[in-house]
PDB file of N, CA and C in Angstrom:
ATOM      1  N   MET A   1      -8.430  22.796 -37.396  1.00  0.00           N
ATOM      2  CA  MET A   1      -9.515  23.240 -36.571  1.00  0.00           C
ATOM      3  C   MET A   1      -9.848  22.146 -35.569  1.00  0.00           C
ATOM      4  N   SER A   2      -9.781  22.470 -34.302  1.00  0.00           N
ATOM      5  CA  SER A   2     -10.069  21.461 -33.291  1.00  0.00           C
ATOM      6  C   SER A   2     -11.510  21.587 -32.824  1.00  0.00           C
ATOM      7  N   ARG A   3     -12.058  20.459 -32.545  1.00  0.00           N
ATOM      8  CA  ARG A   3     -13.446  20.415 -32.101  1.00  0.00           C
ATOM      9  C   ARG A   3     -13.506  20.281 -30.600  1.00  0.00           C
ATOM     10  N   ALA A   4     -14.453  20.929 -30.000  1.00  0.00           N
ATOM     11  CA  ALA A   4     -14.689  20.772 -28.563  1.00  0.00           C
ATOM     12  C   ALA A   4     -15.385  19.437 -28.335  1.00  0.00           C
ATOM     13  N   PRO A   5     -15.084  18.774 -27.226  1.00  0.00           N
ATOM     14  CA  PRO A   5     -15.749  17.497 -26.964  1.00  0.00           C
ATOM     15  C   PRO A   5     -17.261  17.694 -26.837  1.00  0.00           C
ATOM     16  N   ALA A   6     -17.993  16.686 -27.296  1.00  0.00           N
ATOM     17  CA  ALA A   6     -19.447  16.763 -27.250  1.00  0.00           C
ATOM     18  C   ALA A   6     -19.940  16.808 -25.808  1.00  0.00           C
ATOM     19  N   ARG A   7     -19.256  16.076 -24.937  1.00  0.00           N
ATOM     20  CA  ARG A   7     -19.619  16.065 -23.521  1.00  0.00           C
ATOM     21  C   ARG A   7     -18.388  16.489 -22.721  1.00  0.00           C
ATOM     22  N   PRO A   8     -18.332  17.704 -22.278  1.00  0.00           N
ATOM     23  CA  PRO A   8     -17.135  18.178 -21.582  1.00  0.00           C
ATOM     24  C   PRO A   8     -16.898  17.485 -20.248  1.00  0.00           C
ATOM     25  N   HIS A   9     -17.903  16.897 -19.674  1.00  0.00           N
ATOM     26  CA  HIS A   9     -17.732  16.215 -18.390  1.00  0.00           C
ATOM     27  C   HIS A   9     -17.211  14.791 -18.547  1.00  0.00           C
ATOM     28  N   ALA A  10     -17.131  14.263 -19.758  1.00  0.00           N
ATOM     29  CA  ALA A  10     -16.731  12.875 -19.975  1.00  0.00           C
ATOM     30  C   ALA A  10     -15.263  12.637 -19.633  1.00  0.00           C
ATOM     31  N   GLU A  11     -14.383  13.577 -19.952  1.00  0.00           N
ATOM     32  CA  GLU A  11     -12.959  13.374 -19.676  1.00  0.00           C
ATOM     33  C   GLU A  11     -12.655  13.328 -18.180  1.00  0.00           C
ATOM     34  N   PRO A  12     -13.139  14.271 -17.357  1.00  0.00           N
ATOM     35  CA  PRO A  12     -12.883  14.159 -15.915  1.00  0.00           C
ATOM     36  C   PRO A  12     -13.503  12.905 -15.301  1.00  0.00           C
ATOM     37  N   ALA A  13     -14.669  12.510 -15.791  1.00  0.00           N
ATOM     38  CA  ALA A  13     -15.304  11.297 -15.266  1.00  0.00           C
ATOM     39  C   ALA A  13     -14.475  10.067 -15.618  1.00  0.00           C
ATOM     40  N   GLY A  14     -13.953  10.018 -16.836  1.00  0.00           N
ATOM     41  CA  GLY A  14     -13.108   8.893 -17.235  1.00  0.00           C
ATOM     42  C   GLY A  14     -11.819   8.830 -16.431  1.00  0.00           C
ATOM     43  N   ARG A  15     -11.241   9.997 -16.159  1.00  0.00           N
ATOM     44  CA  ARG A  15     -10.017  10.047 -15.365  1.00  0.00           C
ATOM     45  C   ARG A  15     -10.289   9.579 -13.924  1.00  0.00           C
ATOM     46  N   THR A  16     -11.416  10.022 -13.378  1.00  0.00           N
ATOM     47  CA  THR A  16     -11.788   9.616 -12.021  1.00  0.00           C
ATOM     48  C   THR A  16     -12.044   8.118 -11.955  1.00  0.00           C
ATOM     49  N   LEU A  17     -12.692   7.572 -12.970  1.00  0.00           N
ATOM     50  CA  LEU A  17     -12.951   6.140 -13.021  1.00  0.00           C
ATOM     51  C   LEU A  17     -11.653   5.345 -13.111  1.00  0.00           C
ATOM     52  N   ALA A  18     -10.713   5.818 -13.903  1.00  0.00           N
ATOM     53  CA  ALA A  18      -9.414   5.133 -14.019  1.00  0.00           C
ATOM     54  C   ALA A  18      -8.658   5.172 -12.694  1.00  0.00           C
ATOM     55  N   GLU A  19      -8.704   6.294 -11.994  1.00  0.00           N
ATOM     56  CA  GLU A  19      -8.049   6.392 -10.690  1.00  0.00           C
ATOM     57  C   GLU A  19      -8.701   5.448  -9.673  1.00  0.00           C
ATOM     58  N   GLU A  20     -10.023   5.333  -9.723  1.00  0.00           N
ATOM     59  CA  GLU A  20     -10.738   4.434  -8.809  1.00  0.00           C
ATOM     60  C   GLU A  20     -10.394   2.979  -9.099  1.00  0.00           C
ATOM     61  N   ARG A  21     -10.298   2.627 -10.369  1.00  0.00           N
ATOM     62  CA  ARG A  21      -9.917   1.257 -10.731  1.00  0.00           C
ATOM     63  C   ARG A  21      -8.504   0.940 -10.247  1.00  0.00           C
ATOM     64  N   ALA A  22      -7.589   1.878 -10.414  1.00  0.00           N
ATOM     65  CA  ALA A  22      -6.212   1.669  -9.951  1.00  0.00           C
ATOM     66  C   ALA A  22      -6.168   1.514  -8.441  1.00  0.00           C
ATOM     67  N   SER A  23      -6.931   2.319  -7.740  1.00  0.00           N
ATOM     68  CA  SER A  23      -6.971   2.232  -6.281  1.00  0.00           C
ATOM     69  C   SER A  23      -7.550   0.891  -5.833  1.00  0.00           C
ATOM     70  N   ASN A  24      -8.627   0.446  -6.474  1.00  0.00           N
ATOM     71  CA  ASN A  24      -9.232  -0.839  -6.110  1.00  0.00           C
ATOM     72  C   ASN A  24      -8.283  -2.001  -6.387  1.00  0.00           C
ATOM     73  N   THR A  25      -7.589  -1.944  -7.512  1.00  0.00           N
ATOM     74  CA  THR A  25      -6.632  -3.000  -7.840  1.00  0.00           C
ATOM     75  C   THR A  25      -5.515  -3.060  -6.807  1.00  0.00           C
ATOM     76  N   GLN A  26      -5.014  -1.908  -6.410  1.00  0.00           N
ATOM     77  CA  GLN A  26      -3.948  -1.862  -5.407  1.00  0.00           C
ATOM     78  C   GLN A  26      -4.433  -2.421  -4.075  1.00  0.00           C
ATOM     79  N   GLN A  27      -5.638  -2.093  -3.669  1.00  0.00           N
ATOM     80  CA  GLN A  27      -6.178  -2.597  -2.407  1.00  0.00           C
ATOM     81  C   GLN A  27      -6.392  -4.105  -2.459  1.00  0.00           C
ATOM     82  N   ILE A  28      -6.896  -4.611  -3.583  1.00  0.00           N
ATOM     83  CA  ILE A  28      -7.107  -6.054  -3.711  1.00  0.00           C
ATOM     84  C   ILE A  28      -5.778  -6.794  -3.685  1.00  0.00           C
ATOM     85  N   ASN A  29      -4.765  -6.267  -4.366  1.00  0.00           N
ATOM     86  CA  ASN A  29      -3.448  -6.914  -4.369  1.00  0.00           C
ATOM     87  C   ASN A  29      -2.836  -6.930  -2.975  1.00  0.00           C
ATOM     88  N   ALA A  30      -2.973  -5.829  -2.234  1.00  0.00           N
ATOM     89  CA  ALA A  30      -2.450  -5.779  -0.864  1.00  0.00           C
ATOM     90  C   ALA A  30      -3.206  -6.745   0.040  1.00  0.00           C
ATOM     91  N   PHE A  31      -4.520  -6.809  -0.105  1.00  0.00           N
ATOM     92  CA  PHE A  31      -5.311  -7.736   0.710  1.00  0.00           C
ATOM     93  C   PHE A  31      -4.946  -9.181   0.405  1.00  0.00           C
ATOM     94  N   ARG A  32      -4.748  -9.508  -0.890  1.00  0.00           N
ATOM     95  CA  ARG A  32      -4.369 -10.873  -1.256  1.00  0.00           C
ATOM     96  C   ARG A  32      -3.037 -11.252  -0.606  1.00  0.00           C
ATOM     97  N   PHE A  33      -2.078 -10.333  -0.641  1.00  0.00           N
ATOM     98  CA  PHE A  33      -0.777 -10.624  -0.045  1.00  0.00           C
ATOM     99  C   PHE A  33      -0.897 -10.817   1.469  1.00  0.00           C
ATOM    100  N   GLN A  34      -1.688  -9.988   2.137  1.00  0.00           N
ATOM    101  CA  GLN A  34      -1.873 -10.128   3.582  1.00  0.00           C
ATOM    102  C   GLN A  34      -2.566 -11.447   3.933  1.00  0.00           C
ATOM    103  N   ALA A  35      -3.588 -11.804   3.169  1.00  0.00           N
ATOM    104  CA  ALA A  35      -4.297 -13.053   3.430  1.00  0.00           C
ATOM    105  C   ALA A  35      -3.389 -14.264   3.193  1.00  0.00           C
ATOM    106  N   LEU A  36      -2.599 -14.224   2.127  1.00  0.00           N
ATOM    107  CA  LEU A  36      -1.670 -15.324   1.860  1.00  0.00           C
ATOM    108  C   LEU A  36      -0.596 -15.410   2.932  1.00  0.00           C
ATOM    109  N   SER A  37      -0.153 -14.277   3.452  1.00  0.00           N
ATOM    110  CA  SER A  37       0.844 -14.283   4.530  1.00  0.00           C
ATOM    111  C   SER A  37       0.283 -14.939   5.786  1.00  0.00           C
ATOM    112  N   ALA A  38      -0.961 -14.602   6.136  1.00  0.00           N
ATOM    113  CA  ALA A  38      -1.590 -15.216   7.307  1.00  0.00           C
ATOM    114  C   ALA A  38      -1.777 -16.715   7.098  1.00  0.00           C
ATOM    115  N   PHE A  39      -2.195 -17.115   5.906  1.00  0.00           N
ATOM    116  CA  PHE A  39      -2.396 -18.525   5.622  1.00  0.00           C
ATOM    117  C   PHE A  39      -1.082 -19.299   5.651  1.00  0.00           C
ATOM    118  N   LEU A  40      -0.030 -18.706   5.116  1.00  0.00           N
ATOM    119  CA  LEU A  40       1.279 -19.346   5.144  1.00  0.00           C
ATOM    120  C   LEU A  40       1.773 -19.500   6.578  1.00  0.00           C
ATOM    121  N   ALA A  41       1.547 -18.487   7.408  1.00  0.00           N
ATOM    122  CA  ALA A  41       1.933 -18.578   8.826  1.00  0.00           C
ATOM    123  C   ALA A  41       1.166 -19.703   9.521  1.00  0.00           C
ATOM    124  N   LEU A  42      -0.115 -19.841   9.231  1.00  0.00           N
ATOM    125  CA  LEU A  42      -0.896 -20.930   9.827  1.00  0.00           C
ATOM    126  C   LEU A  42      -0.398 -22.294   9.365  1.00  0.00           C
ATOM    127  N   LEU A  43      -0.081 -22.422   8.089  1.00  0.00           N
ATOM    128  CA  LEU A  43       0.439 -23.699   7.596  1.00  0.00           C
ATOM    129  C   LEU A  43       1.748 -24.071   8.289  1.00  0.00           C
ATOM    130  N   LEU A  44       2.618 -23.090   8.439  1.00  0.00           N
ATOM    131  CA  LEU A  44       3.890 -23.367   9.122  1.00  0.00           C
ATOM    132  C   LEU A  44       3.668 -23.708  10.591  1.00  0.00           C
ATOM    133  N   LEU A  45       2.747 -23.010  11.239  1.00  0.00           N
ATOM    134  CA  LEU A  45       2.427 -23.304  12.638  1.00  0.00           C
ATOM    135  C   LEU A  45       1.885 -24.720  12.788  1.00  0.00           C
ATOM    136  N   PHE A  46       0.962 -25.112  11.920  1.00  0.00           N
ATOM    137  CA  PHE A  46       0.405 -26.464  11.978  1.00  0.00           C
ATOM    138  C   PHE A  46       1.478 -27.515  11.701  1.00  0.00           C
ATOM    139  N   ARG A  47       2.342 -27.222  10.739  1.00  0.00           N
ATOM    140  CA  ARG A  47       3.386 -28.189  10.400  1.00  0.00           C
ATOM    141  C   ARG A  47       4.346 -28.413  11.567  1.00  0.00           C
ATOM    142  N   LEU A  48       4.658 -27.329  12.290  1.00  0.00           N
ATOM    143  CA  LEU A  48       5.608 -27.448  13.394  1.00  0.00           C
ATOM    144  C   LEU A  48       4.976 -27.955  14.686  1.00  0.00           C
ATOM    145  N   SER A  49       3.687 -27.772  14.868  1.00  0.00           N
ATOM    146  CA  SER A  49       3.084 -28.093  16.161  1.00  0.00           C
ATOM    147  C   SER A  49       2.241 -29.363  16.167  1.00  0.00           C
ATOM    148  N   ILE A  50       1.737 -29.816  15.053  1.00  0.00           N
ATOM    149  CA  ILE A  50       0.864 -30.987  15.024  1.00  0.00           C
ATOM    150  C   ILE A  50       1.610 -32.140  14.376  1.00  0.00           C
ATOM    151  N   GLN A  51       1.799 -33.217  15.150  1.00  0.00           N
ATOM    152  CA  GLN A  51       2.471 -34.402  14.630  1.00  0.00           C
ATOM    153  C   GLN A  51       1.561 -35.099  13.622  1.00  0.00           C
ATOM    154  N   GLY A  52       2.091 -35.462  12.482  1.00  0.00           N
ATOM    155  CA  GLY A  52       1.355 -36.185  11.466  1.00  0.00           C
ATOM    156  C   GLY A  52       0.491 -35.303  10.574  1.00  0.00           C
ATOM    157  N   TYR A  53       0.599 -33.995  10.735  1.00  0.00           N
ATOM    158  CA  TYR A  53      -0.193 -33.090   9.896  1.00  0.00           C
ATOM    159  C   TYR A  53       0.379 -33.107   8.482  1.00  0.00           C
ATOM    160  N   ILE A  54      -0.470 -33.345   7.511  1.00  0.00           N
ATOM    161  CA  ILE A  54      -0.039 -33.388   6.123  1.00  0.00           C
ATOM    162  C   ILE A  54      -0.248 -32.003   5.532  1.00  0.00           C
ATOM    163  N   VAL A  55       0.860 -31.357   5.215  1.00  0.00           N
ATOM    164  CA  VAL A  55       0.834 -29.981   4.730  1.00  0.00           C
ATOM    165  C   VAL A  55       0.759 -29.971   3.206  1.00  0.00           C
ATOM    166  N   PRO A  56      -0.021 -29.066   2.644  1.00  0.00           N
ATOM    167  CA  PRO A  56       0.021 -28.910   1.188  1.00  0.00           C
ATOM    168  C   PRO A  56       1.426 -28.506   0.743  1.00  0.00           C
ATOM    169  N   SER A  57       1.673 -28.526  -0.524  1.00  0.00           N
ATOM    170  CA  SER A  57       2.981 -28.197  -1.058  1.00  0.00           C
ATOM    171  C   SER A  57       3.392 -26.778  -0.658  1.00  0.00           C
ATOM    172  N   LEU A  58       4.352 -26.687   0.243  1.00  0.00           N
ATOM    173  CA  LEU A  58       4.805 -25.375   0.696  1.00  0.00           C
ATOM    174  C   LEU A  58       5.589 -24.642  -0.387  1.00  0.00           C
ATOM    175  N   ALA A  59       6.283 -25.370  -1.238  1.00  0.00           N
ATOM    176  CA  ALA A  59       7.040 -24.730  -2.323  1.00  0.00           C
ATOM    177  C   ALA A  59       6.087 -24.037  -3.300  1.00  0.00           C
ATOM    178  N   LEU A  60       5.021 -24.713  -3.658  1.00  0.00           N
ATOM    179  CA  LEU A  60       4.043 -24.126  -4.573  1.00  0.00           C
ATOM    180  C   LEU A  60       3.358 -22.924  -3.923  1.00  0.00           C
ATOM    181  N   PHE A  61       2.980 -23.087  -2.661  1.00  0.00           N
ATOM    182  CA  PHE A  61       2.304 -22.005  -1.957  1.00  0.00           C
ATOM    183  C   PHE A  61       3.242 -20.810  -1.751  1.00  0.00           C
ATOM    184  N   ALA A  62       4.500 -21.066  -1.440  1.00  0.00           N
ATOM    185  CA  ALA A  62       5.466 -19.978  -1.242  1.00  0.00           C
ATOM    186  C   ALA A  62       5.725 -19.236  -2.558  1.00  0.00           C
ATOM    187  N   THR A  63       5.694 -19.951  -3.679  1.00  0.00           N
ATOM    188  CA  THR A  63       5.845 -19.309  -4.982  1.00  0.00           C
ATOM    189  C   THR A  63       4.671 -18.372  -5.257  1.00  0.00           C
ATOM    190  N   TYR A  64       3.462 -18.833  -4.954  1.00  0.00           N
ATOM    191  CA  TYR A  64       2.274 -17.995  -5.136  1.00  0.00           C
ATOM    192  C   TYR A  64       2.335 -16.779  -4.214  1.00  0.00           C
ATOM    193  N   TRP A  65       2.788 -16.976  -2.978  1.00  0.00           N
ATOM    194  CA  TRP A  65       2.935 -15.885  -2.007  1.00  0.00           C
ATOM    195  C   TRP A  65       3.961 -14.857  -2.514  1.00  0.00           C
ATOM    196  N   ALA A  66       5.079 -15.328  -3.049  1.00  0.00           N
ATOM    197  CA  ALA A  66       6.104 -14.418  -3.567  1.00  0.00           C
ATOM    198  C   ALA A  66       5.589 -13.642  -4.782  1.00  0.00           C
ATOM    199  N   ALA A  67       4.861 -14.310  -5.659  1.00  0.00           N
ATOM    200  CA  ALA A  67       4.299 -13.617  -6.821  1.00  0.00           C
ATOM    201  C   ALA A  67       3.287 -12.554  -6.384  1.00  0.00           C
ATOM    202  N   ALA A  68       2.474 -12.876  -5.398  1.00  0.00           N
ATOM    203  CA  ALA A  68       1.515 -11.891  -4.881  1.00  0.00           C
ATOM    204  C   ALA A  68       2.240 -10.717  -4.243  1.00  0.00           C
ATOM    205  N   GLY A  69       3.362 -10.983  -3.585  1.00  0.00           N
ATOM    206  CA  GLY A  69       4.159  -9.906  -2.988  1.00  0.00           C
ATOM    207  C   GLY A  69       4.761  -8.991  -4.036  1.00  0.00           C
ATOM    208  N   VAL A  70       5.255  -9.567  -5.106  1.00  0.00           N
ATOM    209  CA  VAL A  70       5.819  -8.761  -6.194  1.00  0.00           C
ATOM    210  C   VAL A  70       4.737  -7.891  -6.837  1.00  0.00           C
ATOM    211  N   VAL A  71       3.569  -8.459  -7.049  1.00  0.00           N
ATOM    212  CA  VAL A  71       2.473  -7.702  -7.649  1.00  0.00           C
ATOM    213  C   VAL A  71       2.017  -6.584  -6.712  1.00  0.00           C
ATOM    214  N   ALA A  72       1.884  -6.893  -5.423  1.00  0.00           N
ATOM    215  CA  ALA A  72       1.434  -5.876  -4.459  1.00  0.00           C
ATOM    216  C   ALA A  72       2.471  -4.763  -4.302  1.00  0.00           C
ATOM    217  N   TRP A  73       3.750  -5.128  -4.299  1.00  0.00           N
ATOM    218  CA  TRP A  73       4.800  -4.119  -4.113  1.00  0.00           C
ATOM    219  C   TRP A  73       5.072  -3.359  -5.406  1.00  0.00           C
ATOM    220  N   GLY A  74       5.148  -4.080  -6.505  1.00  0.00           N
ATOM    221  CA  GLY A  74       5.589  -3.470  -7.752  1.00  0.00           C
ATOM    222  C   GLY A  74       4.526  -2.736  -8.538  1.00  0.00           C
ATOM    223  N   GLY A  75       3.271  -3.085  -8.354  1.00  0.00           N
ATOM    224  CA  GLY A  75       2.209  -2.458  -9.128  1.00  0.00           C
ATOM    225  C   GLY A  75       2.212  -0.946  -9.075  1.00  0.00           C
ATOM    226  N   PRO A  76       2.090  -0.351  -7.903  1.00  0.00           N
ATOM    227  CA  PRO A  76       2.037   1.116  -7.857  1.00  0.00           C
ATOM    228  C   PRO A  76       3.387   1.787  -8.089  1.00  0.00           C
ATOM    229  N   ARG A  77       4.490   1.076  -7.976  1.00  0.00           N
ATOM    230  CA  ARG A  77       5.812   1.686  -8.080  1.00  0.00           C
ATOM    231  C   ARG A  77       6.380   1.676  -9.504  1.00  0.00           C
ATOM    232  N   LEU A  78       5.841   0.839 -10.357  1.00  0.00           N
ATOM    233  CA  LEU A  78       6.423   0.672 -11.684  1.00  0.00           C
ATOM    234  C   LEU A  78       5.750   1.499 -12.767  1.00  0.00           C
ATOM    235  N   GLY A  79       4.803   2.310 -12.402  1.00  0.00           N
ATOM    236  CA  GLY A  79       4.167   3.177 -13.385  1.00  0.00           C
ATOM    237  C   GLY A  79       2.734   2.792 -13.667  1.00  0.00           C
ATOM    238  N   ARG A  80       2.096   3.648 -14.442  1.00  0.00           N
ATOM    239  CA  ARG A  80       0.672   3.485 -14.716  1.00  0.00           C
ATOM    240  C   ARG A  80       0.376   2.226 -15.522  1.00  0.00           C
ATOM    241  N   ARG A  81       1.192   1.935 -16.522  1.00  0.00           N
ATOM    242  CA  ARG A  81       0.954   0.758 -17.366  1.00  0.00           C
ATOM    243  C   ARG A  81       1.122  -0.533 -16.570  1.00  0.00           C
ATOM    244  N   ALA A  82       2.147  -0.588 -15.723  1.00  0.00           N
ATOM    245  CA  ALA A  82       2.346  -1.780 -14.892  1.00  0.00           C
ATOM    246  C   ALA A  82       1.215  -1.932 -13.883  1.00  0.00           C
ATOM    247  N   ALA A  83       0.737  -0.815 -13.351  1.00  0.00           N
ATOM    248  CA  ALA A  83      -0.377  -0.877 -12.415  1.00  0.00           C
ATOM    249  C   ALA A  83      -1.628  -1.420 -13.093  1.00  0.00           C
ATOM    250  N   GLN A  84      -1.836  -1.060 -14.353  1.00  0.00           N
ATOM    251  CA  GLN A  84      -2.981  -1.596 -15.090  1.00  0.00           C
ATOM    252  C   GLN A  84      -2.819  -3.093 -15.323  1.00  0.00           C
ATOM    253  N   LEU A  85      -1.608  -3.531 -15.619  1.00  0.00           N
ATOM    254  CA  LEU A  85      -1.371  -4.954 -15.862  1.00  0.00           C
ATOM    255  C   LEU A  85      -1.529  -5.792 -14.599  1.00  0.00           C
ATOM    256  N   THR A  86      -1.235  -5.206 -13.426  1.00  0.00           N
ATOM    257  CA  THR A  86      -1.424  -5.976 -12.190  1.00  0.00           C
ATOM    258  C   THR A  86      -2.894  -6.265 -11.939  1.00  0.00           C
ATOM    259  N   GLY A  87      -3.771  -5.491 -12.551  1.00  0.00           N
ATOM    260  CA  GLY A  87      -5.191  -5.794 -12.450  1.00  0.00           C
ATOM    261  C   GLY A  87      -5.541  -7.125 -13.094  1.00  0.00           C
ATOM    262  N   LEU A  88      -4.724  -7.584 -14.017  1.00  0.00           N
ATOM    263  CA  LEU A  88      -4.947  -8.882 -14.656  1.00  0.00           C
ATOM    264  C   LEU A  88      -4.574 -10.040 -13.737  1.00  0.00           C
ATOM    265  N   SER A  89      -3.907  -9.765 -12.627  1.00  0.00           N
ATOM    266  CA  SER A  89      -3.545 -10.836 -11.712  1.00  0.00           C
ATOM    267  C   SER A  89      -4.784 -11.410 -11.032  1.00  0.00           C
ATOM    268  N   ILE A  90      -5.845 -10.639 -10.952  1.00  0.00           N
ATOM    269  CA  ILE A  90      -7.059 -11.126 -10.306  1.00  0.00           C
ATOM    270  C   ILE A  90      -7.668 -12.280 -11.107  1.00  0.00           C
ATOM    271  N   PRO A  91      -7.975 -12.101 -12.396  1.00  0.00           N
ATOM    272  CA  PRO A  91      -8.549 -13.246 -13.118  1.00  0.00           C
ATOM    273  C   PRO A  91      -7.541 -14.327 -13.479  1.00  0.00           C
ATOM    274  N   SER A  92      -6.264 -13.980 -13.592  1.00  0.00           N
ATOM    275  CA  SER A  92      -5.303 -14.987 -14.055  1.00  0.00           C
ATOM    276  C   SER A  92      -4.726 -15.843 -12.939  1.00  0.00           C
ATOM    277  N   SER A  93      -4.596 -15.332 -11.724  1.00  0.00           N
ATOM    278  CA  SER A  93      -3.992 -16.146 -10.672  1.00  0.00           C
ATOM    279  C   SER A  93      -4.966 -16.509  -9.559  1.00  0.00           C
ATOM    280  N   THR A  94      -5.906 -15.658  -9.248  1.00  0.00           N
ATOM    281  CA  THR A  94      -6.807 -15.939  -8.138  1.00  0.00           C
ATOM    282  C   THR A  94      -7.883 -16.933  -8.537  1.00  0.00           C
ATOM    283  N   CYS A  95      -8.416 -16.811  -9.718  1.00  0.00           N
ATOM    284  CA  CYS A  95      -9.487 -17.734 -10.139  1.00  0.00           C
ATOM    285  C   CYS A  95      -9.264 -18.206 -11.582  1.00  0.00           C
ATOM    286  N   PRO A  96      -8.172 -18.933 -11.836  1.00  0.00           N
ATOM    287  CA  PRO A  96      -7.874 -19.326 -13.216  1.00  0.00           C
ATOM    288  C   PRO A  96      -8.783 -20.438 -13.748  1.00  0.00           C
ATOM    289  N   CYS A  97      -9.438 -21.188 -12.873  1.00  0.00           N
ATOM    290  CA  CYS A  97     -10.242 -22.322 -13.340  1.00  0.00           C
ATOM    291  C   CYS A  97     -11.720 -22.001 -13.465  1.00  0.00           C
ATOM    292  N   SER A  98     -12.122 -20.801 -13.100  1.00  0.00           N
ATOM    293  CA  SER A  98     -13.552 -20.493 -13.206  1.00  0.00           C
ATOM    294  C   SER A  98     -13.927 -20.234 -14.653  1.00  0.00           C
ATOM    295  N   SER A  99     -15.092 -20.650 -14.985  1.00  0.00           N
ATOM    296  CA  SER A  99     -15.531 -20.469 -16.372  1.00  0.00           C
ATOM    297  C   SER A  99     -16.936 -19.920 -16.426  1.00  0.00           C
TER     298      SER A  99
END
């Protein structure tokens, strides 16, 4: 014997909330990649045009840029579970030292 849900509106609301979270995560990942691309372009421009400019580690920054690109590209394409896991990139890579 199956029981009807106590609140029939809870399932559609939960589904809508999950879709909104996935959409927000995808937008944040895309924005992070775009911002890192602009910053990397500025670093390269400064390095090539200003004599004596001390550039931060480009290898480290390029690795972070590549990881952000993989997350932005792969999140929505690899399925629902992978898209949920890309949401963890926000607390783990963007602000790992905050407490």
